[in-house]
Amino acid sequence: MACSLLRSLLHFVCPDWCVSEITNISLTELWQSGIRVLFVDLDNTLTAWGSREISEPVRRWIEEAKAQGFQVVIVSNAGFRGRVAQVAEALGIIGIAAAGKPRRYVFRRYLEWKGLTVQQAVMIGDQIFTDILAAKRLGMKAILVEPLTERRFITGRIQRPLELITLKLLRSMKLLP
């Protein structure tokens, strides 16, 4: 009984896929599976934490995603709207700052605005208890990427040891893809 309860709880933090970096995600596979919108985290997913610098491989991946027809939206908990807007503008995509992940509001609102369903969306991020949890709470697919740097906001530094324990538990229970 306890094991099945634990398994049920872990479902909310278990990503559907894990990759080393965002550029390793197959856009073709996502499109073929019906995904039409890519929600992406900013810090440690698209850019190094606190940075405005976008690597050339990430820039090319975003351009390829847009060329294939994906809507790409930065969904960041960063409160610095100017930085989120600057990166989004440089990539030619929408940026949402102070999103409050794992709250679902910004995802739900965007999907309703665009007439899309949760089955047509995926969240891509480096944190289990914000990015992945937000997606799973809404019923979206989620892709966990390894953080670009070890540097994090204070809450991320507190959460990281718990995330590593959770990942180990997910692997030991063979729940992680």
N, C-alpha and C. Protein backbone atom coordinates (compact mmCIF):
# COMPACT_ATOMS: atom_id res chain seq x y z
N MET A 1 0.83 -1.20 0.00
CA MET A 1 0.00 0.00 0.00
C MET A 1 0.87 1.26 0.00
N ALA A 2 1.87 1.31 0.87
CA ALA A 2 2.75 2.47 0.96
C ALA A 2 3.52 2.66 -0.35
N CYS A 3 3.91 1.57 -0.96
CA CYS A 3 4.66 1.64 -2.22
C CYS A 3 3.78 2.22 -3.33
N SER A 4 2.51 1.81 -3.39
CA SER A 4 1.63 2.33 -4.44
C SER A 4 1.30 3.80 -4.20
N LEU A 5 1.21 4.21 -2.94
CA LEU A 5 0.99 5.62 -2.63
C LEU A 5 2.21 6.44 -3.05
N LEU A 6 3.39 5.94 -2.73
CA LEU A 6 4.63 6.61 -3.11
C LEU A 6 4.73 6.72 -4.63
N ARG A 7 4.40 5.65 -5.33
CA ARG A 7 4.42 5.64 -6.79
C ARG A 7 3.47 6.70 -7.35
N SER A 8 2.29 6.81 -6.76
CA SER A 8 1.30 7.81 -7.20
C SER A 8 1.82 9.23 -6.99
N LEU A 9 2.45 9.46 -5.86
CA LEU A 9 2.99 10.79 -5.57
C LEU A 9 4.16 11.13 -6.50
N LEU A 10 4.99 10.14 -6.77
CA LEU A 10 6.14 10.38 -7.65
C LEU A 10 5.73 10.66 -9.09
N HIS A 11 4.54 10.23 -9.46
CA HIS A 11 4.02 10.52 -10.81
C HIS A 11 4.04 12.02 -11.09
N PHE A 12 3.80 12.83 -10.06
CA PHE A 12 3.73 14.29 -10.23
C PHE A 12 5.09 14.95 -10.43
N VAL A 13 6.16 14.22 -10.21
CA VAL A 13 7.49 14.80 -10.40
C VAL A 13 8.33 13.99 -11.37
N CYS A 14 7.72 13.02 -12.02
CA CYS A 14 8.45 12.15 -12.94
C CYS A 14 8.37 12.69 -14.37
N PRO A 15 9.50 13.10 -14.92
CA PRO A 15 9.47 13.59 -16.31
C PRO A 15 9.18 12.46 -17.28
N ASP A 16 8.67 12.82 -18.44
CA ASP A 16 8.41 11.84 -19.49
C ASP A 16 9.68 11.48 -20.23
N TRP A 17 10.60 12.44 -20.32
CA TRP A 17 11.89 12.22 -20.94
C TRP A 17 12.95 12.97 -20.16
N CYS A 18 14.18 12.49 -20.23
CA CYS A 18 15.33 13.16 -19.63
C CYS A 18 16.41 13.28 -20.71
N VAL A 19 16.99 14.47 -20.83
CA VAL A 19 18.05 14.69 -21.80
C VAL A 19 19.15 15.52 -21.14
N SER A 20 20.33 15.45 -21.72
CA SER A 20 21.44 16.21 -21.15
C SER A 20 21.32 17.70 -21.42
N GLU A 21 20.76 18.07 -22.57
CA GLU A 21 20.57 19.49 -22.89
C GLU A 21 19.43 19.65 -23.88
N ILE A 22 18.88 20.83 -23.93
CA ILE A 22 17.69 21.09 -24.74
C ILE A 22 17.90 20.76 -26.21
N THR A 23 19.11 20.96 -26.71
CA THR A 23 19.37 20.71 -28.13
C THR A 23 19.36 19.22 -28.48
N ASN A 24 19.30 18.35 -27.49
CA ASN A 24 19.20 16.91 -27.74
C ASN A 24 17.75 16.43 -27.86
N ILE A 25 16.82 17.34 -27.74
CA ILE A 25 15.40 16.98 -27.86
C ILE A 25 15.04 16.92 -29.33
N SER A 26 14.43 15.82 -29.74
CA SER A 26 14.03 15.63 -31.13
C SER A 26 12.72 16.37 -31.40
N LEU A 27 12.83 17.44 -32.17
CA LEU A 27 11.64 18.21 -32.52
C LEU A 27 10.71 17.40 -33.43
N THR A 28 11.28 16.57 -34.27
CA THR A 28 10.48 15.73 -35.17
C THR A 28 9.60 14.78 -34.36
N GLU A 29 10.18 14.13 -33.36
CA GLU A 29 9.40 13.21 -32.51
C GLU A 29 8.29 13.95 -31.77
N LEU A 30 8.60 15.13 -31.26
CA LEU A 30 7.57 15.90 -30.55
C LEU A 30 6.43 16.27 -31.49
N TRP A 31 6.77 16.74 -32.69
CA TRP A 31 5.73 17.12 -33.66
C TRP A 31 4.87 15.92 -34.03
N GLN A 32 5.53 14.78 -34.28
CA GLN A 32 4.79 13.57 -34.66
C GLN A 32 3.89 13.07 -33.53
N SER A 33 4.24 13.40 -32.28
CA SER A 33 3.40 12.98 -31.16
C SER A 33 2.28 13.98 -30.87
N GLY A 34 2.17 15.03 -31.69
CA GLY A 34 1.07 15.98 -31.54
C GLY A 34 1.39 17.22 -30.74
N ILE A 35 2.61 17.38 -30.30
CA ILE A 35 3.01 18.56 -29.54
C ILE A 35 3.08 19.75 -30.49
N ARG A 36 2.50 20.89 -30.05
CA ARG A 36 2.51 22.10 -30.88
C ARG A 36 3.09 23.31 -30.15
N VAL A 37 3.19 23.24 -28.83
CA VAL A 37 3.76 24.35 -28.08
C VAL A 37 4.83 23.83 -27.12
N LEU A 38 5.97 24.51 -27.14
CA LEU A 38 7.08 24.17 -26.26
C LEU A 38 7.21 25.26 -25.21
N PHE A 39 6.86 24.94 -23.99
CA PHE A 39 7.11 25.84 -22.88
C PHE A 39 8.52 25.53 -22.39
N VAL A 40 9.37 26.53 -22.32
CA VAL A 40 10.76 26.29 -21.92
C VAL A 40 11.15 27.21 -20.77
N ASP A 41 11.87 26.65 -19.83
CA ASP A 41 12.41 27.43 -18.73
C ASP A 41 13.58 28.25 -19.26
N LEU A 42 13.91 29.33 -18.57
CA LEU A 42 15.01 30.18 -19.01
C LEU A 42 16.32 29.79 -18.34
N ASP A 43 16.40 30.01 -17.03
CA ASP A 43 17.66 29.81 -16.30
C ASP A 43 18.05 28.35 -16.22
N ASN A 44 19.27 28.06 -16.67
CA ASN A 44 19.87 26.72 -16.67
C ASN A 44 19.21 25.75 -17.64
N THR A 45 18.33 26.26 -18.50
CA THR A 45 17.73 25.45 -19.56
C THR A 45 18.09 26.06 -20.91
N LEU A 46 17.68 27.31 -21.13
CA LEU A 46 18.05 28.02 -22.36
C LEU A 46 19.37 28.78 -22.22
N THR A 47 19.56 29.37 -21.05
CA THR A 47 20.77 30.15 -20.78
C THR A 47 21.34 29.74 -19.43
N ALA A 48 22.60 30.11 -19.21
CA ALA A 48 23.17 29.92 -17.87
C ALA A 48 22.37 30.80 -16.90
N TRP A 49 22.35 30.43 -15.64
CA TRP A 49 21.57 31.14 -14.64
C TRP A 49 21.92 32.63 -14.64
N GLY A 50 20.89 33.48 -14.75
CA GLY A 50 21.06 34.92 -14.69
C GLY A 50 21.64 35.56 -15.94
N SER A 51 21.87 34.79 -16.98
CA SER A 51 22.53 35.29 -18.18
C SER A 51 21.52 35.73 -19.24
N ARG A 52 21.98 36.60 -20.10
CA ARG A 52 21.22 37.02 -21.29
C ARG A 52 21.82 36.41 -22.55
N GLU A 53 22.91 35.68 -22.38
CA GLU A 53 23.66 35.09 -23.51
C GLU A 53 22.99 33.79 -23.97
N ILE A 54 22.76 33.71 -25.26
CA ILE A 54 22.14 32.52 -25.84
C ILE A 54 23.20 31.84 -26.71
N SER A 55 23.47 30.58 -26.43
CA SER A 55 24.48 29.87 -27.22
C SER A 55 23.97 29.67 -28.65
N GLU A 56 24.88 29.54 -29.56
CA GLU A 56 24.51 29.34 -30.96
C GLU A 56 23.72 28.03 -31.16
N PRO A 57 24.10 26.91 -30.52
CA PRO A 57 23.29 25.69 -30.68
C PRO A 57 21.85 25.86 -30.19
N VAL A 58 21.65 26.57 -29.08
CA VAL A 58 20.30 26.81 -28.56
C VAL A 58 19.54 27.71 -29.53
N ARG A 59 20.19 28.73 -30.01
CA ARG A 59 19.56 29.65 -30.98
C ARG A 59 19.10 28.87 -32.22
N ARG A 60 19.95 27.99 -32.74
CA ARG A 60 19.60 27.18 -33.93
C ARG A 60 18.43 26.24 -33.62
N TRP A 61 18.43 25.63 -32.42
CA TRP A 61 17.35 24.70 -32.04
C TRP A 61 16.02 25.44 -31.98
N ILE A 62 16.02 26.64 -31.41
CA ILE A 62 14.79 27.45 -31.34
C ILE A 62 14.33 27.82 -32.75
N GLU A 63 15.25 28.22 -33.60
CA GLU A 63 14.90 28.57 -34.98
C GLU A 63 14.31 27.36 -35.72
N GLU A 64 14.91 26.20 -35.51
CA GLU A 64 14.38 24.97 -36.12
C GLU A 64 12.98 24.65 -35.60
N ALA A 65 12.77 24.85 -34.30
CA ALA A 65 11.45 24.60 -33.71
C ALA A 65 10.40 25.52 -34.34
N LYS A 66 10.72 26.78 -34.45
CA LYS A 66 9.79 27.74 -35.06
C LYS A 66 9.54 27.39 -36.53
N ALA A 67 10.59 26.99 -37.24
CA ALA A 67 10.45 26.63 -38.65
C ALA A 67 9.54 25.41 -38.83
N GLN A 68 9.56 24.50 -37.85
CA GLN A 68 8.70 23.31 -37.93
C GLN A 68 7.25 23.62 -37.53
N GLY A 69 7.01 24.82 -37.02
CA GLY A 69 5.64 25.21 -36.67
C GLY A 69 5.34 25.25 -35.19
N PHE A 70 6.32 24.97 -34.35
CA PHE A 70 6.10 25.02 -32.91
C PHE A 70 5.94 26.46 -32.44
N GLN A 71 5.08 26.65 -31.46
CA GLN A 71 5.06 27.88 -30.69
C GLN A 71 6.03 27.65 -29.53
N VAL A 72 6.95 28.57 -29.32
CA VAL A 72 7.93 28.43 -28.25
C VAL A 72 7.72 29.58 -27.27
N VAL A 73 7.56 29.24 -26.00
CA VAL A 73 7.25 30.23 -24.97
C VAL A 73 8.17 30.03 -23.78
N ILE A 74 8.91 31.07 -23.43
CA ILE A 74 9.70 31.02 -22.20
C ILE A 74 8.75 31.21 -21.03
N VAL A 75 8.80 30.28 -20.07
CA VAL A 75 8.02 30.40 -18.84
C VAL A 75 9.03 30.33 -17.70
N SER A 76 9.30 31.49 -17.12
CA SER A 76 10.35 31.61 -16.12
C SER A 76 9.81 32.13 -14.80
N ASN A 77 10.37 31.64 -13.71
CA ASN A 77 10.05 32.18 -12.40
C ASN A 77 10.88 33.43 -12.10
N ALA A 78 11.83 33.73 -12.96
CA ALA A 78 12.67 34.92 -12.76
C ALA A 78 11.79 36.16 -12.71
N GLY A 79 12.04 36.97 -11.72
CA GLY A 79 11.24 38.18 -11.54
C GLY A 79 11.71 39.35 -12.38
N PHE A 80 12.85 39.21 -13.04
CA PHE A 80 13.39 40.29 -13.86
C PHE A 80 12.78 40.23 -15.26
N ARG A 81 11.65 40.90 -15.39
CA ARG A 81 10.91 40.85 -16.65
C ARG A 81 11.75 41.34 -17.82
N GLY A 82 12.62 42.32 -17.58
CA GLY A 82 13.45 42.88 -18.65
C GLY A 82 14.36 41.84 -19.26
N ARG A 83 14.99 41.01 -18.42
CA ARG A 83 15.91 39.97 -18.93
C ARG A 83 15.13 38.91 -19.69
N VAL A 84 14.00 38.47 -19.14
CA VAL A 84 13.19 37.46 -19.82
C VAL A 84 12.71 38.01 -21.16
N ALA A 85 12.26 39.25 -21.18
CA ALA A 85 11.79 39.88 -22.42
C ALA A 85 12.93 40.03 -23.42
N GLN A 86 14.11 40.38 -22.95
CA GLN A 86 15.25 40.56 -23.85
C GLN A 86 15.64 39.24 -24.52
N VAL A 87 15.70 38.16 -23.75
CA VAL A 87 16.04 36.86 -24.33
C VAL A 87 14.94 36.41 -25.29
N ALA A 88 13.69 36.57 -24.88
CA ALA A 88 12.57 36.18 -25.75
C ALA A 88 12.60 36.96 -27.05
N GLU A 89 12.83 38.25 -26.97
CA GLU A 89 12.88 39.08 -28.17
C GLU A 89 14.04 38.67 -29.08
N ALA A 90 15.19 38.38 -28.49
CA ALA A 90 16.35 37.95 -29.28
C ALA A 90 16.07 36.65 -30.03
N LEU A 91 15.21 35.81 -29.46
CA LEU A 91 14.87 34.53 -30.08
C LEU A 91 13.59 34.61 -30.93
N GLY A 92 12.89 35.74 -30.86
CA GLY A 92 11.66 35.89 -31.63
C GLY A 92 10.52 35.05 -31.09
N ILE A 93 10.46 34.93 -29.75
CA ILE A 93 9.41 34.11 -29.11
C ILE A 93 8.76 34.92 -27.98
N ILE A 94 7.77 34.35 -27.35
CA ILE A 94 7.09 34.98 -26.22
C ILE A 94 7.84 34.63 -24.94
N GLY A 95 7.90 35.58 -24.01
CA GLY A 95 8.52 35.33 -22.72
C GLY A 95 7.59 35.72 -21.59
N ILE A 96 7.43 34.84 -20.63
CA ILE A 96 6.60 35.11 -19.45
C ILE A 96 7.50 35.04 -18.23
N ALA A 97 7.59 36.14 -17.49
CA ALA A 97 8.41 36.19 -16.27
C ALA A 97 7.51 36.05 -15.05
N ALA A 98 8.13 35.78 -13.91
CA ALA A 98 7.42 35.66 -12.63
C ALA A 98 6.23 34.72 -12.75
N ALA A 99 6.44 33.58 -13.39
CA ALA A 99 5.36 32.64 -13.70
C ALA A 99 4.78 31.93 -12.48
N GLY A 100 5.56 31.83 -11.43
CA GLY A 100 5.06 31.17 -10.22
C GLY A 100 4.96 29.66 -10.32
N LYS A 101 5.80 29.04 -11.16
CA LYS A 101 5.78 27.58 -11.24
C LYS A 101 6.10 27.01 -9.86
N PRO A 102 5.44 26.01 -9.39
CA PRO A 102 4.63 25.03 -10.13
C PRO A 102 3.15 25.37 -10.31
N ARG A 103 2.79 26.63 -10.10
CA ARG A 103 1.40 27.00 -10.38
C ARG A 103 1.12 26.78 -11.87
N ARG A 104 -0.12 26.49 -12.19
CA ARG A 104 -0.50 26.13 -13.56
C ARG A 104 -1.11 27.28 -14.35
N TYR A 105 -1.36 28.38 -13.70
CA TYR A 105 -2.14 29.47 -14.28
C TYR A 105 -1.62 29.94 -15.65
N VAL A 106 -0.32 30.25 -15.75
CA VAL A 106 0.20 30.81 -17.01
C VAL A 106 0.08 29.81 -18.16
N PHE A 107 0.27 28.54 -17.87
CA PHE A 107 0.15 27.51 -18.91
C PHE A 107 -1.30 27.41 -19.38
N ARG A 108 -2.20 27.32 -18.42
CA ARG A 108 -3.62 27.19 -18.74
C ARG A 108 -4.10 28.39 -19.55
N ARG A 109 -3.69 29.57 -19.12
CA ARG A 109 -4.13 30.79 -19.80
C ARG A 109 -3.59 30.85 -21.23
N TYR A 110 -2.33 30.51 -21.42
CA TYR A 110 -1.74 30.53 -22.76
C TYR A 110 -2.45 29.52 -23.66
N LEU A 111 -2.65 28.31 -23.17
CA LEU A 111 -3.29 27.27 -23.97
C LEU A 111 -4.71 27.67 -24.37
N GLU A 112 -5.45 28.26 -23.42
CA GLU A 112 -6.81 28.72 -23.74
C GLU A 112 -6.76 29.83 -24.80
N TRP A 113 -5.82 30.75 -24.65
CA TRP A 113 -5.67 31.87 -25.59
C TRP A 113 -5.41 31.36 -27.01
N LYS A 114 -4.60 30.32 -27.13
CA LYS A 114 -4.23 29.79 -28.43
C LYS A 114 -5.13 28.66 -28.91
N GLY A 115 -6.10 28.26 -28.08
CA GLY A 115 -7.01 27.19 -28.47
C GLY A 115 -6.34 25.83 -28.53
N LEU A 116 -5.37 25.61 -27.65
CA LEU A 116 -4.64 24.34 -27.61
C LEU A 116 -5.01 23.55 -26.36
N THR A 117 -4.72 22.27 -26.39
CA THR A 117 -4.98 21.41 -25.23
C THR A 117 -3.67 21.08 -24.53
N VAL A 118 -3.75 20.57 -23.32
CA VAL A 118 -2.54 20.18 -22.59
C VAL A 118 -1.81 19.05 -23.31
N GLN A 119 -2.54 18.24 -24.08
CA GLN A 119 -1.90 17.15 -24.83
C GLN A 119 -1.03 17.68 -25.96
N GLN A 120 -1.20 18.94 -26.32
CA GLN A 120 -0.42 19.54 -27.40
C GLN A 120 0.77 20.34 -26.87
N ALA A 121 1.03 20.25 -25.57
CA ALA A 121 2.08 21.05 -24.96
C ALA A 121 3.07 20.20 -24.19
N VAL A 122 4.29 20.71 -24.09
CA VAL A 122 5.31 20.07 -23.28
C VAL A 122 6.06 21.17 -22.53
N MET A 123 6.48 20.88 -21.31
CA MET A 123 7.31 21.79 -20.53
C MET A 123 8.72 21.23 -20.51
N ILE A 124 9.70 22.09 -20.80
CA ILE A 124 11.10 21.69 -20.82
C ILE A 124 11.83 22.52 -19.77
N GLY A 125 12.44 21.86 -18.80
CA GLY A 125 13.13 22.61 -17.76
C GLY A 125 14.11 21.76 -16.98
N ASP A 126 14.85 22.41 -16.10
CA ASP A 126 15.91 21.74 -15.35
C ASP A 126 15.55 21.42 -13.90
N GLN A 127 14.36 21.82 -13.45
CA GLN A 127 14.01 21.60 -12.05
C GLN A 127 12.74 20.75 -11.90
N ILE A 128 12.86 19.74 -11.08
CA ILE A 128 11.74 18.82 -10.85
C ILE A 128 10.58 19.49 -10.13
N PHE A 129 10.89 20.25 -9.07
CA PHE A 129 9.83 20.78 -8.21
C PHE A 129 9.22 22.08 -8.70
N THR A 130 9.66 22.58 -9.83
CA THR A 130 9.01 23.74 -10.44
C THR A 130 8.54 23.37 -11.84
N ASP A 131 9.47 23.14 -12.75
CA ASP A 131 9.14 22.88 -14.16
C ASP A 131 8.34 21.59 -14.36
N ILE A 132 8.86 20.50 -13.86
CA ILE A 132 8.22 19.19 -14.08
C ILE A 132 6.91 19.10 -13.31
N LEU A 133 6.93 19.53 -12.05
CA LEU A 133 5.71 19.48 -11.23
C LEU A 133 4.60 20.33 -11.85
N ALA A 134 4.92 21.51 -12.35
CA ALA A 134 3.90 22.36 -12.98
C ALA A 134 3.25 21.64 -14.16
N ALA A 135 4.08 21.04 -15.01
CA ALA A 135 3.56 20.33 -16.18
C ALA A 135 2.68 19.17 -15.77
N LYS A 136 3.17 18.35 -14.86
CA LYS A 136 2.43 17.15 -14.48
C LYS A 136 1.13 17.49 -13.76
N ARG A 137 1.13 18.55 -12.98
CA ARG A 137 -0.11 18.96 -12.30
C ARG A 137 -1.20 19.33 -13.31
N LEU A 138 -0.77 19.84 -14.47
CA LEU A 138 -1.73 20.24 -15.50
C LEU A 138 -2.06 19.09 -16.45
N GLY A 139 -1.24 18.03 -16.44
CA GLY A 139 -1.47 16.91 -17.34
C GLY A 139 -0.64 16.99 -18.61
N MET A 140 0.35 17.89 -18.62
CA MET A 140 1.24 18.04 -19.78
C MET A 140 2.38 17.05 -19.72
N LYS A 141 3.01 16.83 -20.85
CA LYS A 141 4.27 16.09 -20.91
C LYS A 141 5.36 17.00 -20.37
N ALA A 142 6.44 16.39 -19.88
CA ALA A 142 7.54 17.16 -19.31
C ALA A 142 8.87 16.54 -19.68
N ILE A 143 9.82 17.41 -20.00
CA ILE A 143 11.18 16.97 -20.34
C ILE A 143 12.15 17.62 -19.36
N LEU A 144 12.92 16.80 -18.68
CA LEU A 144 13.92 17.29 -17.74
C LEU A 144 15.27 17.37 -18.44
N VAL A 145 15.90 18.54 -18.37
CA VAL A 145 17.25 18.70 -18.90
C VAL A 145 18.21 18.89 -17.74
N GLU A 146 19.45 18.51 -17.95
CA GLU A 146 20.45 18.74 -16.91
C GLU A 146 20.75 20.24 -16.86
N PRO A 147 20.90 20.80 -15.67
CA PRO A 147 21.16 22.24 -15.56
C PRO A 147 22.46 22.62 -16.28
N LEU A 148 22.44 23.77 -16.94
CA LEU A 148 23.63 24.25 -17.65
C LEU A 148 24.76 24.61 -16.68
N THR A 149 24.40 25.09 -15.50
CA THR A 149 25.39 25.44 -14.48
C THR A 149 24.89 24.98 -13.12
N GLU A 150 25.77 24.97 -12.16
CA GLU A 150 25.36 24.64 -10.79
C GLU A 150 24.78 25.86 -10.07
N ARG A 151 25.00 27.03 -10.65
CA ARG A 151 24.51 28.26 -10.03
C ARG A 151 22.99 28.33 -10.13
N ARG A 152 22.34 28.70 -9.01
CA ARG A 152 20.88 28.76 -8.94
C ARG A 152 20.44 29.85 -7.99
N PHE A 153 19.18 30.21 -8.11
CA PHE A 153 18.55 31.09 -7.14
C PHE A 153 18.49 30.34 -5.82
N ILE A 154 18.33 31.03 -4.72
CA ILE A 154 18.37 30.42 -3.39
C ILE A 154 17.40 29.24 -3.25
N THR A 155 16.19 29.37 -3.77
CA THR A 155 15.24 28.26 -3.64
C THR A 155 15.72 27.04 -4.41
N GLY A 156 16.35 27.26 -5.56
CA GLY A 156 16.89 26.16 -6.34
C GLY A 156 18.03 25.45 -5.62
N ARG A 157 18.83 26.23 -4.89
CA ARG A 157 19.93 25.62 -4.13
C ARG A 157 19.40 24.75 -3.00
N ILE A 158 18.28 25.15 -2.43
CA ILE A 158 17.66 24.35 -1.37
C ILE A 158 17.02 23.10 -1.96
N GLN A 159 16.38 23.25 -3.12
CA GLN A 159 15.67 22.14 -3.74
C GLN A 159 16.58 21.11 -4.39
N ARG A 160 17.76 21.52 -4.86
CA ARG A 160 18.62 20.62 -5.63
C ARG A 160 18.94 19.31 -4.92
N PRO A 161 19.35 19.32 -3.64
CA PRO A 161 19.59 18.03 -2.97
C PRO A 161 18.35 17.14 -2.94
N LEU A 162 17.17 17.75 -2.75
CA LEU A 162 15.92 16.97 -2.76
C LEU A 162 15.63 16.42 -4.15
N GLU A 163 15.95 17.20 -5.18
CA GLU A 163 15.76 16.72 -6.56
C GLU A 163 16.65 15.52 -6.84
N LEU A 164 17.89 15.58 -6.39
CA LEU A 164 18.82 14.46 -6.62
C LEU A 164 18.33 13.19 -5.92
N ILE A 165 17.81 13.34 -4.72
CA ILE A 165 17.25 12.19 -4.00
C ILE A 165 16.03 11.65 -4.75
N THR A 166 15.19 12.55 -5.22
CA THR A 166 13.99 12.15 -5.97
C THR A 166 14.37 11.43 -7.26
N LEU A 167 15.36 11.94 -7.97
CA LEU A 167 15.81 11.28 -9.20
C LEU A 167 16.33 9.87 -8.90
N LYS A 168 17.08 9.74 -7.83
CA LYS A 168 17.60 8.43 -7.43
C LYS A 168 16.45 7.48 -7.11
N LEU A 169 15.45 7.98 -6.41
CA LEU A 169 14.28 7.16 -6.07
C LEU A 169 13.51 6.77 -7.34
N LEU A 170 13.32 7.72 -8.24
CA LEU A 170 12.61 7.43 -9.50
C LEU A 170 13.36 6.36 -10.31
N ARG A 171 14.67 6.45 -10.32
CA ARG A 171 15.47 5.44 -11.05
C ARG A 171 15.38 4.08 -10.36
N SER A 172 15.47 4.06 -9.05
CA SER A 172 15.43 2.79 -8.33
C SER A 172 14.08 2.09 -8.48
N MET A 173 13.02 2.88 -8.62
CA MET A 173 11.68 2.32 -8.81
C MET A 173 11.37 2.09 -10.28
N LYS A 174 12.37 2.37 -11.14
CA LYS A 174 12.25 2.18 -12.59
C LYS A 174 11.08 3.00 -13.18
N LEU A 175 10.88 4.20 -12.63
CA LEU A 175 9.85 5.09 -13.14
C LEU A 175 10.40 6.11 -14.11
N LEU A 176 11.69 6.34 -14.04
CA LEU A 176 12.32 7.33 -14.90
C LEU A 176 12.64 6.70 -16.26
N PRO A 177 12.23 7.40 -17.33
CA PRO A 177 12.49 6.86 -18.66
C PRO A 177 13.99 6.83 -18.97
